PDB file of N, CA and C in Angstrom:
ATOM      1  N   MET A   1     -30.396  23.310  -1.168  1.00  0.00           N
ATOM      2  CA  MET A   1     -30.180  21.961  -1.626  1.00  0.00           C
ATOM      3  C   MET A   1     -31.459  21.151  -1.526  1.00  0.00           C
ATOM      4  N   GLU A   2     -32.227  21.377  -0.459  1.00  0.00           N
ATOM      5  CA  GLU A   2     -33.460  20.625  -0.271  1.00  0.00           C
ATOM      6  C   GLU A   2     -34.451  20.907  -1.386  1.00  0.00           C
ATOM      7  N   ASP A   3     -34.479  22.157  -1.880  1.00  0.00           N
ATOM      8  CA  ASP A   3     -35.383  22.501  -2.984  1.00  0.00           C
ATOM      9  C   ASP A   3     -34.976  21.736  -4.240  1.00  0.00           C
ATOM     10  N   LYS A   4     -33.673  21.610  -4.445  1.00  0.00           N
ATOM     11  CA  LYS A   4     -33.181  20.890  -5.608  1.00  0.00           C
ATOM     12  C   LYS A   4     -33.603  19.421  -5.542  1.00  0.00           C
ATOM     13  N   ILE A   5     -33.524  18.836  -4.349  1.00  0.00           N
ATOM     14  CA  ILE A   5     -33.912  17.436  -4.161  1.00  0.00           C
ATOM     15  C   ILE A   5     -35.408  17.259  -4.417  1.00  0.00           C
ATOM     16  N   LEU A   6     -36.204  18.179  -3.947  1.00  0.00           N
ATOM     17  CA  LEU A   6     -37.651  18.053  -4.102  1.00  0.00           C
ATOM     18  C   LEU A   6     -38.099  18.250  -5.542  1.00  0.00           C
ATOM     19  N   ARG A   7     -37.318  18.982  -6.359  1.00  0.00           N
ATOM     20  CA  ARG A   7     -37.697  19.210  -7.741  1.00  0.00           C
ATOM     21  C   ARG A   7     -37.360  18.032  -8.656  1.00  0.00           C
ATOM     22  N   GLN A   8     -36.559  17.093  -8.185  1.00  0.00           N
ATOM     23  CA  GLN A   8     -36.197  15.940  -9.003  1.00  0.00           C
ATOM     24  C   GLN A   8     -37.397  15.009  -9.146  1.00  0.00           C
ATOM     25  N   PRO A   9     -37.413  14.206 -10.226  1.00  0.00           N
ATOM     26  CA  PRO A   9     -38.491  13.229 -10.376  1.00  0.00           C
ATOM     27  C   PRO A   9     -38.514  12.282  -9.183  1.00  0.00           C
ATOM     28  N   LYS A  10     -39.651  11.697  -8.916  1.00  0.00           N
ATOM     29  CA  LYS A  10     -39.869  10.863  -7.734  1.00  0.00           C
ATOM     30  C   LYS A  10     -38.843   9.726  -7.633  1.00  0.00           C
ATOM     31  N   LYS A  11     -38.525   9.047  -8.764  1.00  0.00           N
ATOM     32  CA  LYS A  11     -37.631   7.889  -8.679  1.00  0.00           C
ATOM     33  C   LYS A  11     -36.194   8.285  -8.344  1.00  0.00           C
ATOM     34  N   PHE A  12     -35.797   9.553  -8.591  1.00  0.00           N
ATOM     35  CA  PHE A  12     -34.454   9.998  -8.264  1.00  0.00           C
ATOM     36  C   PHE A  12     -34.404  10.784  -6.959  1.00  0.00           C
ATOM     37  N   ARG A  13     -35.508  11.006  -6.351  1.00  0.00           N
ATOM     38  CA  ARG A  13     -35.574  11.822  -5.149  1.00  0.00           C
ATOM     39  C   ARG A  13     -34.990  11.061  -3.959  1.00  0.00           C
ATOM     40  N   ILE A  14     -34.162  11.717  -3.208  1.00  0.00           N
ATOM     41  CA  ILE A  14     -33.571  11.115  -2.014  1.00  0.00           C
ATOM     42  C   ILE A  14     -34.376  11.614  -0.815  1.00  0.00           C
ATOM     43  N   GLU A  15     -34.910  10.680  -0.104  1.00  0.00           N
ATOM     44  CA  GLU A  15     -35.688  11.039   1.085  1.00  0.00           C
ATOM     45  C   GLU A  15     -34.740  11.414   2.221  1.00  0.00           C
ATOM     46  N   LYS A  16     -35.194  12.263   3.112  1.00  0.00           N
ATOM     47  CA  LYS A  16     -34.371  12.718   4.230  1.00  0.00           C
ATOM     48  C   LYS A  16     -34.002  11.558   5.153  1.00  0.00           C
ATOM     49  N   GLU A  17     -34.898  10.595   5.323  1.00  0.00           N
ATOM     50  CA  GLU A  17     -34.609   9.435   6.170  1.00  0.00           C
ATOM     51  C   GLU A  17     -33.472   8.599   5.571  1.00  0.00           C
ATOM     52  N   ASP A  18     -33.435   8.516   4.229  1.00  0.00           N
ATOM     53  CA  ASP A  18     -32.373   7.766   3.563  1.00  0.00           C
ATOM     54  C   ASP A  18     -31.012   8.430   3.785  1.00  0.00           C
ATOM     55  N   LEU A  19     -30.987   9.760   3.811  1.00  0.00           N
ATOM     56  CA  LEU A  19     -29.733  10.467   4.053  1.00  0.00           C
ATOM     57  C   LEU A  19     -29.188  10.159   5.444  1.00  0.00           C
ATOM     58  N   ASP A  20     -30.080   9.995   6.390  1.00  0.00           N
ATOM     59  CA  ASP A  20     -29.649   9.675   7.751  1.00  0.00           C
ATOM     60  C   ASP A  20     -29.092   8.258   7.845  1.00  0.00           C
ATOM     61  N   LEU A  21     -29.544   7.354   6.989  1.00  0.00           N
ATOM     62  CA  LEU A  21     -29.130   5.954   7.062  1.00  0.00           C
ATOM     63  C   LEU A  21     -27.893   5.628   6.217  1.00  0.00           C
ATOM     64  N   ILE A  22     -27.411   6.599   5.453  1.00  0.00           N
ATOM     65  CA  ILE A  22     -26.282   6.321   4.553  1.00  0.00           C
ATOM     66  C   ILE A  22     -25.058   5.848   5.326  1.00  0.00           C
ATOM     67  N   GLU A  23     -24.688   6.524   6.397  1.00  0.00           N
ATOM     68  CA  GLU A  23     -23.503   6.122   7.177  1.00  0.00           C
ATOM     69  C   GLU A  23     -23.686   4.727   7.760  1.00  0.00           C
ATOM     70  N   GLU A  24     -24.867   4.429   8.222  1.00  0.00           N
ATOM     71  CA  GLU A  24     -25.140   3.104   8.786  1.00  0.00           C
ATOM     72  C   GLU A  24     -25.000   2.022   7.705  1.00  0.00           C
ATOM     73  N   LYS A  25     -25.507   2.318   6.516  1.00  0.00           N
ATOM     74  CA  LYS A  25     -25.396   1.352   5.415  1.00  0.00           C
ATOM     75  C   LYS A  25     -23.939   1.184   4.998  1.00  0.00           C
ATOM     76  N   ARG A  26     -23.178   2.256   4.990  1.00  0.00           N
ATOM     77  CA  ARG A  26     -21.752   2.165   4.649  1.00  0.00           C
ATOM     78  C   ARG A  26     -21.006   1.288   5.648  1.00  0.00           C
ATOM     79  N   GLU A  27     -21.287   1.477   6.923  1.00  0.00           N
ATOM     80  CA  GLU A  27     -20.622   0.677   7.953  1.00  0.00           C
ATOM     81  C   GLU A  27     -21.003  -0.800   7.825  1.00  0.00           C
ATOM     82  N   THR A  28     -22.248  -1.079   7.551  1.00  0.00           N
ATOM     83  CA  THR A  28     -22.692  -2.464   7.353  1.00  0.00           C
ATOM     84  C   THR A  28     -21.966  -3.082   6.153  1.00  0.00           C
ATOM     85  N   THR A  29     -21.846  -2.312   5.092  1.00  0.00           N
ATOM     86  CA  THR A  29     -21.153  -2.796   3.898  1.00  0.00           C
ATOM     87  C   THR A  29     -19.681  -3.038   4.188  1.00  0.00           C
ATOM     88  N   ARG A  30     -19.035  -2.145   4.939  1.00  0.00           N
ATOM     89  CA  ARG A  30     -17.624  -2.339   5.303  1.00  0.00           C
ATOM     90  C   ARG A  30     -17.441  -3.642   6.080  1.00  0.00           C
ATOM     91  N   ARG A  31     -18.344  -3.909   7.023  1.00  0.00           N
ATOM     92  CA  ARG A  31     -18.263  -5.150   7.799  1.00  0.00           C
ATOM     93  C   ARG A  31     -18.421  -6.374   6.906  1.00  0.00           C
ATOM     94  N   ARG A  32     -19.378  -6.325   5.990  1.00  0.00           N
ATOM     95  CA  ARG A  32     -19.600  -7.460   5.089  1.00  0.00           C
ATOM     96  C   ARG A  32     -18.395  -7.711   4.194  1.00  0.00           C
ATOM     97  N   VAL A  33     -17.798  -6.644   3.673  1.00  0.00           N
ATOM     98  CA  VAL A  33     -16.614  -6.780   2.824  1.00  0.00           C
ATOM     99  C   VAL A  33     -15.464  -7.372   3.633  1.00  0.00           C
ATOM    100  N   SER A  34     -15.304  -6.933   4.866  1.00  0.00           N
ATOM    101  CA  SER A  34     -14.245  -7.447   5.732  1.00  0.00           C
ATOM    102  C   SER A  34     -14.428  -8.946   5.991  1.00  0.00           C
ATOM    103  N   ILE A  35     -15.638  -9.365   6.274  1.00  0.00           N
ATOM    104  CA  ILE A  35     -15.937 -10.785   6.502  1.00  0.00           C
ATOM    105  C   ILE A  35     -15.672 -11.584   5.235  1.00  0.00           C
ATOM    106  N   TYR A  36     -16.070 -11.048   4.095  1.00  0.00           N
ATOM    107  CA  TYR A  36     -15.857 -11.725   2.812  1.00  0.00           C
ATOM    108  C   TYR A  36     -14.365 -11.910   2.549  1.00  0.00           C
ATOM    109  N   LYS A  37     -13.568 -10.867   2.787  1.00  0.00           N
ATOM    110  CA  LYS A  37     -12.129 -10.953   2.563  1.00  0.00           C
ATOM    111  C   LYS A  37     -11.501 -12.018   3.458  1.00  0.00           C
ATOM    112  N   CYS A  38     -11.923 -12.093   4.701  1.00  0.00           N
ATOM    113  CA  CYS A  38     -11.388 -13.099   5.621  1.00  0.00           C
ATOM    114  C   CYS A  38     -11.724 -14.507   5.147  1.00  0.00           C
ATOM    115  N   LYS A  39     -12.958 -14.701   4.686  1.00  0.00           N
ATOM    116  CA  LYS A  39     -13.360 -16.014   4.186  1.00  0.00           C
ATOM    117  C   LYS A  39     -12.565 -16.406   2.954  1.00  0.00           C
ATOM    118  N   MET A  40     -12.353 -15.467   2.040  1.00  0.00           N
ATOM    119  CA  MET A  40     -11.593 -15.749   0.824  1.00  0.00           C
ATOM    120  C   MET A  40     -10.134 -16.077   1.160  1.00  0.00           C
ATOM    121  N   ALA A  41      -9.541 -15.348   2.090  1.00  0.00           N
ATOM    122  CA  ALA A  41      -8.165 -15.608   2.484  1.00  0.00           C
ATOM    123  C   ALA A  41      -8.042 -16.981   3.132  1.00  0.00           C
ATOM    124  N   LYS A  42      -9.010 -17.346   3.960  1.00  0.00           N
ATOM    125  CA  LYS A  42      -8.994 -18.653   4.615  1.00  0.00           C
ATOM    126  C   LYS A  42      -9.122 -19.772   3.582  1.00  0.00           C
ATOM    127  N   ALA A  43      -9.989 -19.602   2.596  1.00  0.00           N
ATOM    128  CA  ALA A  43     -10.172 -20.616   1.553  1.00  0.00           C
ATOM    129  C   ALA A  43      -8.893 -20.755   0.723  1.00  0.00           C
ATOM    130  N   TYR A  44      -8.253 -19.651   0.401  1.00  0.00           N
ATOM    131  CA  TYR A  44      -7.010 -19.696  -0.378  1.00  0.00           C
ATOM    132  C   TYR A  44      -5.898 -20.360   0.428  1.00  0.00           C
ATOM    133  N   ASP A  45      -5.749 -19.942   1.679  1.00  0.00           N
ATOM    134  CA  ASP A  45      -4.678 -20.470   2.520  1.00  0.00           C
ATOM    135  C   ASP A  45      -4.831 -21.962   2.795  1.00  0.00           C
ATOM    136  N   SER A  46      -6.062 -22.464   2.775  1.00  0.00           N
ATOM    137  CA  SER A  46      -6.266 -23.889   3.037  1.00  0.00           C
ATOM    138  C   SER A  46      -5.759 -24.750   1.879  1.00  0.00           C
ATOM    139  N   LYS A  47      -5.629 -24.172   0.688  1.00  0.00           N
ATOM    140  CA  LYS A  47      -5.197 -24.933  -0.486  1.00  0.00           C
ATOM    141  C   LYS A  47      -3.717 -24.754  -0.800  1.00  0.00           C
ATOM    142  N   VAL A  48      -3.071 -23.790  -0.173  1.00  0.00           N
ATOM    143  CA  VAL A  48      -1.660 -23.521  -0.436  1.00  0.00           C
ATOM    144  C   VAL A  48      -0.813 -24.483   0.391  1.00  0.00           C
ATOM    145  N   ARG A  49       0.131 -25.132  -0.284  1.00  0.00           N
ATOM    146  CA  ARG A  49       1.058 -26.018   0.417  1.00  0.00           C
ATOM    147  C   ARG A  49       2.409 -25.329   0.522  1.00  0.00           C
ATOM    148  N   PRO A  50       2.886 -25.094   1.733  1.00  0.00           N
ATOM    149  CA  PRO A  50       4.195 -24.454   1.864  1.00  0.00           C
ATOM    150  C   PRO A  50       5.298 -25.396   1.370  1.00  0.00           C
ATOM    151  N   ARG A  51       6.287 -24.841   0.715  1.00  0.00           N
ATOM    152  CA  ARG A  51       7.395 -25.632   0.187  1.00  0.00           C
ATOM    153  C   ARG A  51       8.695 -25.139   0.795  1.00  0.00           C
ATOM    154  N   LYS A  52       9.505 -26.079   1.192  1.00  0.00           N
ATOM    155  CA  LYS A  52      10.823 -25.741   1.721  1.00  0.00           C
ATOM    156  C   LYS A  52      11.851 -26.451   0.862  1.00  0.00           C
ATOM    157  N   PHE A  53      12.846 -25.709   0.426  1.00  0.00           N
ATOM    158  CA  PHE A  53      13.912 -26.266  -0.383  1.00  0.00           C
ATOM    159  C   PHE A  53      15.188 -26.280   0.443  1.00  0.00           C
ATOM    160  N   GLU A  54      16.049 -27.230   0.128  1.00  0.00           N
ATOM    161  CA  GLU A  54      17.326 -27.336   0.824  1.00  0.00           C
ATOM    162  C   GLU A  54      18.459 -27.138  -0.172  1.00  0.00           C
ATOM    163  N   MET A  55      19.646 -26.952   0.351  1.00  0.00           N
ATOM    164  CA  MET A  55      20.811 -26.782  -0.513  1.00  0.00           C
ATOM    165  C   MET A  55      20.960 -28.011  -1.406  1.00  0.00           C
ATOM    166  N   GLY A  56      21.201 -27.756  -2.686  1.00  0.00           N
ATOM    167  CA  GLY A  56      21.400 -28.838  -3.632  1.00  0.00           C
ATOM    168  C   GLY A  56      20.148 -29.225  -4.398  1.00  0.00           C
ATOM    169  N   ASP A  57      18.987 -28.726  -4.001  1.00  0.00           N
ATOM    170  CA  ASP A  57      17.751 -29.032  -4.731  1.00  0.00           C
ATOM    171  C   ASP A  57      17.760 -28.338  -6.088  1.00  0.00           C
ATOM    172  N   LEU A  58      17.153 -28.990  -7.071  1.00  0.00           N
ATOM    173  CA  LEU A  58      16.987 -28.386  -8.388  1.00  0.00           C
ATOM    174  C   LEU A  58      15.651 -27.654  -8.435  1.00  0.00           C
ATOM    175  N   VAL A  59      15.655 -26.438  -8.940  1.00  0.00           N
ATOM    176  CA  VAL A  59      14.432 -25.642  -9.020  1.00  0.00           C
ATOM    177  C   VAL A  59      14.374 -24.914 -10.359  1.00  0.00           C
ATOM    178  N   LEU A  60      13.189 -24.489 -10.733  1.00  0.00           N
ATOM    179  CA  LEU A  60      12.983 -23.620 -11.883  1.00  0.00           C
ATOM    180  C   LEU A  60      12.607 -22.241 -11.365  1.00  0.00           C
ATOM    181  N   ARG A  61      12.958 -21.213 -12.136  1.00  0.00           N
ATOM    182  CA  ARG A  61      12.637 -19.838 -11.752  1.00  0.00           C
ATOM    183  C   ARG A  61      11.700 -19.252 -12.787  1.00  0.00           C
ATOM    184  N   LYS A  62      10.660 -18.576 -12.334  1.00  0.00           N
ATOM    185  CA  LYS A  62       9.722 -17.929 -13.247  1.00  0.00           C
ATOM    186  C   LYS A  62      10.428 -16.784 -13.960  1.00  0.00           C
ATOM    187  N   THR A  63      10.249 -16.700 -15.274  1.00  0.00           N
ATOM    188  CA  THR A  63      10.920 -15.662 -16.042  1.00  0.00           C
ATOM    189  C   THR A  63      10.262 -14.313 -15.807  1.00  0.00           C
ATOM    190  N   GLU A  64      11.067 -13.280 -15.900  1.00  0.00           N
ATOM    191  CA  GLU A  64      10.563 -11.908 -15.784  1.00  0.00           C
ATOM    192  C   GLU A  64      10.578 -11.309 -17.181  1.00  0.00           C
ATOM    193  N   ASN A  65       9.417 -11.207 -17.783  1.00  0.00           N
ATOM    194  CA  ASN A  65       9.318 -10.674 -19.143  1.00  0.00           C
ATOM    195  C   ASN A  65       9.200  -9.161 -19.087  1.00  0.00           C
ATOM    196  N   THR A  66      10.102  -8.489 -19.784  1.00  0.00           N
ATOM    197  CA  THR A  66      10.068  -7.028 -19.798  1.00  0.00           C
ATOM    198  C   THR A  66       9.344  -6.492 -21.022  1.00  0.00           C
ATOM    199  N   GLY A  67       9.300  -7.271 -22.084  1.00  0.00           N
ATOM    200  CA  GLY A  67       8.642  -6.832 -23.306  1.00  0.00           C
ATOM    201  C   GLY A  67       7.360  -7.607 -23.538  1.00  0.00           C
ATOM    202  N   PRO A  68       6.870  -7.537 -24.765  1.00  0.00           N
ATOM    203  CA  PRO A  68       5.656  -8.281 -25.084  1.00  0.00           C
ATOM    204  C   PRO A  68       5.902  -9.789 -24.983  1.00  0.00           C
ATOM    205  N   VAL A  69       4.912 -10.488 -24.471  1.00  0.00           N
ATOM    206  CA  VAL A  69       5.031 -11.921 -24.244  1.00  0.00           C
ATOM    207  C   VAL A  69       4.197 -12.663 -25.270  1.00  0.00           C
ATOM    208  N   GLY A  70       4.816 -13.633 -25.912  1.00  0.00           N
ATOM    209  CA  GLY A  70       4.104 -14.453 -26.878  1.00  0.00           C
ATOM    210  C   GLY A  70       3.557 -15.712 -26.229  1.00  0.00           C
ATOM    211  N   LYS A  71       2.665 -16.354 -26.933  1.00  0.00           N
ATOM    212  CA  LYS A  71       2.008 -17.551 -26.426  1.00  0.00           C
ATOM    213  C   LYS A  71       3.007 -18.692 -26.197  1.00  0.00           C
ATOM    214  N   LEU A  72       4.030 -18.763 -27.013  1.00  0.00           N
ATOM    215  CA  LEU A  72       4.976 -19.864 -26.930  1.00  0.00           C
ATOM    216  C   LEU A  72       6.271 -19.510 -26.206  1.00  0.00           C
ATOM    217  N   ASP A  73       6.358 -18.329 -25.619  1.00  0.00           N
ATOM    218  CA  ASP A  73       7.553 -17.945 -24.872  1.00  0.00           C
ATOM    219  C   ASP A  73       7.682 -18.791 -23.613  1.00  0.00           C
ATOM    220  N   ALA A  74       8.922 -19.017 -23.194  1.00  0.00           N
ATOM    221  CA  ALA A  74       9.183 -19.810 -21.992  1.00  0.00           C
ATOM    222  C   ALA A  74       8.698 -19.055 -20.763  1.00  0.00           C
ATOM    223  N   LYS A  75       8.031 -19.761 -19.888  1.00  0.00           N
ATOM    224  CA  LYS A  75       7.530 -19.149 -18.662  1.00  0.00           C
ATOM    225  C   LYS A  75       8.445 -19.448 -17.472  1.00  0.00           C
ATOM    226  N   TRP A  76       9.319 -20.450 -17.636  1.00  0.00           N
ATOM    227  CA  TRP A  76      10.236 -20.848 -16.573  1.00  0.00           C
ATOM    228  C   TRP A  76      11.649 -20.875 -17.115  1.00  0.00           C
ATOM    229  N   ASP A  77      12.596 -20.586 -16.259  1.00  0.00           N
ATOM    230  CA  ASP A  77      14.005 -20.552 -16.621  1.00  0.00           C
ATOM    231  C   ASP A  77      14.747 -21.512 -15.684  1.00  0.00           C
ATOM    232  N   GLY A  78      15.710 -22.229 -16.212  1.00  0.00           N
ATOM    233  CA  GLY A  78      16.464 -23.101 -15.323  1.00  0.00           C
ATOM    234  C   GLY A  78      16.849 -24.376 -16.012  1.00  0.00           C
ATOM    235  N   PRO A  79      17.241 -25.378 -15.327  1.00  0.00           N
ATOM    236  CA  PRO A  79      17.179 -25.555 -13.865  1.00  0.00           C
ATOM    237  C   PRO A  79      18.308 -24.822 -13.141  1.00  0.00           C
ATOM    238  N   TYR A  80      18.031 -24.481 -11.896  1.00  0.00           N
ATOM    239  CA  TYR A  80      19.007 -23.864 -11.013  1.00  0.00           C
ATOM    240  C   TYR A  80      19.227 -24.799  -9.830  1.00  0.00           C
ATOM    241  N   ILE A  81      20.392 -24.677  -9.227  1.00  0.00           N
ATOM    242  CA  ILE A  81      20.708 -25.421  -8.017  1.00  0.00           C
ATOM    243  C   ILE A  81      20.679 -24.430  -6.863  1.00  0.00           C
ATOM    244  N   ILE A  82      20.060 -24.815  -5.761  1.00  0.00           N
ATOM    245  CA  ILE A  82      20.043 -23.942  -4.590  1.00  0.00           C
ATOM    246  C   ILE A  82      21.422 -24.004  -3.952  1.00  0.00           C
ATOM    247  N   ALA A  83      22.124 -22.876  -3.982  1.00  0.00           N
ATOM    248  CA  ALA A  83      23.488 -22.799  -3.458  1.00  0.00           C
ATOM    249  C   ALA A  83      23.500 -22.434  -1.982  1.00  0.00           C
ATOM    250  N   GLU A  84      22.500 -21.633  -1.557  1.00  0.00           N
ATOM    251  CA  GLU A  84      22.478 -21.177  -0.166  1.00  0.00           C
ATOM    252  C   GLU A  84      21.052 -20.827   0.223  1.00  0.00           C
ATOM    253  N   VAL A  85      20.680 -21.192   1.452  1.00  0.00           N
ATOM    254  CA  VAL A  85      19.378 -20.800   1.993  1.00  0.00           C
ATOM    255  C   VAL A  85      19.615 -19.549   2.821  1.00  0.00           C
ATOM    256  N   ILE A  86      19.059 -18.433   2.366  1.00  0.00           N
ATOM    257  CA  ILE A  86      19.288 -17.150   3.032  1.00  0.00           C
ATOM    258  C   ILE A  86      18.265 -16.913   4.137  1.00  0.00           C
ATOM    259  N   GLY A  87      17.016 -17.222   3.860  1.00  0.00           N
ATOM    260  CA  GLY A  87      15.944 -17.041   4.828  1.00  0.00           C
ATOM    261  C   GLY A  87      14.741 -17.820   4.357  1.00  0.00           C
ATOM    262  N   PRO A  88      13.615 -17.722   5.069  1.00  0.00           N
ATOM    263  CA  PRO A  88      12.425 -18.455   4.633  1.00  0.00           C
ATOM    264  C   PRO A  88      11.930 -17.923   3.279  1.00  0.00           C
ATOM    265  N   GLY A  89      11.972 -18.787   2.270  1.00  0.00           N
ATOM    266  CA  GLY A  89      11.514 -18.408   0.937  1.00  0.00           C
ATOM    267  C   GLY A  89      12.542 -17.629   0.137  1.00  0.00           C
ATOM    268  N   THR A  90      13.769 -17.469   0.669  1.00  0.00           N
ATOM    269  CA  THR A  90      14.813 -16.718  -0.016  1.00  0.00           C
ATOM    270  C   THR A  90      16.027 -17.614  -0.202  1.00  0.00           C
ATOM    271  N   TYR A  91      16.433 -17.761  -1.466  1.00  0.00           N
ATOM    272  CA  TYR A  91      17.517 -18.681  -1.782  1.00  0.00           C
ATOM    273  C   TYR A  91      18.497 -18.030  -2.741  1.00  0.00           C
ATOM    274  N   LYS A  92      19.758 -18.444  -2.656  1.00  0.00           N
ATOM    275  CA  LYS A  92      20.757 -18.030  -3.627  1.00  0.00           C
ATOM    276  C   LYS A  92      20.872 -19.178  -4.624  1.00  0.00           C
ATOM    277  N   LEU A  93      20.712 -18.866  -5.914  1.00  0.00           N
ATOM    278  CA  LEU A  93      20.692 -19.894  -6.941  1.00  0.00           C
ATOM    279  C   LEU A  93      21.984 -19.918  -7.721  1.00  0.00           C
ATOM    280  N   LYS A  94      22.318 -21.119  -8.216  1.00  0.00           N
ATOM    281  CA  LYS A  94      23.488 -21.296  -9.061  1.00  0.00           C
ATOM    282  C   LYS A  94      22.995 -21.927 -10.353  1.00  0.00           C
ATOM    283  N   LYS A  95      23.368 -21.363 -11.487  1.00  0.00           N
ATOM    284  CA  LYS A  95      22.903 -21.817 -12.799  1.00  0.00           C
ATOM    285  C   LYS A  95      23.629 -23.087 -13.205  1.00  0.00           C
ATOM    286  N   GLY A  96      22.892 -23.987 -13.864  1.00  0.00           N
ATOM    287  CA  GLY A  96      23.526 -25.092 -14.564  1.00  0.00           C
ATOM    288  C   GLY A  96      23.408 -26.448 -13.921  1.00  0.00           C
ATOM    289  N   MET A  97      23.459 -27.443 -14.809  1.00  0.00           N
ATOM    290  CA  MET A  97      23.402 -28.833 -14.395  1.00  0.00           C
ATOM    291  C   MET A  97      24.780 -29.477 -14.447  1.00  0.00           C
ATOM    292  N   GLU A  98      25.751 -28.810 -15.053  1.00  0.00           N
ATOM    293  CA  GLU A  98      27.038 -29.458 -15.279  1.00  0.00           C
ATOM    294  C   GLU A  98      27.742 -29.842 -13.979  1.00  0.00           C
ATOM    295  N   SER A  99      27.564 -29.068 -12.918  1.00  0.00           N
ATOM    296  CA  SER A  99      28.238 -29.390 -11.658  1.00  0.00           C
ATOM    297  C   SER A  99      27.311 -30.117 -10.678  1.00  0.00           C
ATOM    298  N   TYR A 100      26.115 -30.500 -11.116  1.00  0.00           N
ATOM    299  CA  TYR A 100      25.144 -31.130 -10.214  1.00  0.00           C
ATOM    300  C   TYR A 100      25.419 -32.630 -10.094  1.00  0.00           C
ATOM    301  N   SER A 101      25.440 -33.108  -8.872  1.00  0.00           N
ATOM    302  CA  SER A 101      25.586 -34.542  -8.607  1.00  0.00           C
ATOM    303  C   SER A 101      24.462 -34.948  -7.657  1.00  0.00           C
ATOM    304  N   PRO A 102      23.529 -35.835  -8.069  1.00  0.00           N
ATOM    305  CA  PRO A 102      22.405 -36.193  -7.203  1.00  0.00           C
ATOM    306  C   PRO A 102      22.841 -36.847  -5.900  1.00  0.00           C
ATOM    307  N   GLU A 103      24.002 -37.511  -5.885  1.00  0.00           N
ATOM    308  CA  GLU A 103      24.462 -38.155  -4.667  1.00  0.00           C
ATOM    309  C   GLU A 103      24.910 -37.136  -3.636  1.00  0.00           C
ATOM    310  N   ARG A 104      25.640 -36.119  -4.112  1.00  0.00           N
ATOM    311  CA  ARG A 104      26.161 -35.095  -3.217  1.00  0.00           C
ATOM    312  C   ARG A 104      25.146 -34.003  -2.931  1.00  0.00           C
ATOM    313  N   GLY A 105      24.238 -33.761  -3.874  1.00  0.00           N
ATOM    314  CA  GLY A 105      23.271 -32.685  -3.711  1.00  0.00           C
ATOM    315  C   GLY A 105      23.752 -31.369  -4.275  1.00  0.00           C
ATOM    316  N   THR A 106      25.007 -31.297  -4.715  1.00  0.00           N
ATOM    317  CA  THR A 106      25.515 -30.074  -5.360  1.00  0.00           C
ATOM    318  C   THR A 106      26.450 -30.416  -6.478  1.00  0.00           C
TER     319      THR A 106
END
């Protein structure tokens, strides 16, 4: 293998010292990527506002498109009424405005 390396043109030749440093450079790169990911996550999380909904709130639901999507297709479906709070971020929805009363909340 060393003969093959030495026969390559100078600009493509890998020096033996460089081969020894490859693992060190990989580890340095892994650390930098890890730091970058943490910074990006922190920047994103600082702009996200958590939302909590209660029973009776009106909400829209993002549509799930299974086929080709056109420019003018609806991106939201609803309104829905929150019928039950199951867990954090998980709600049971009820379709329609006909039974909604803003005074009662449902």
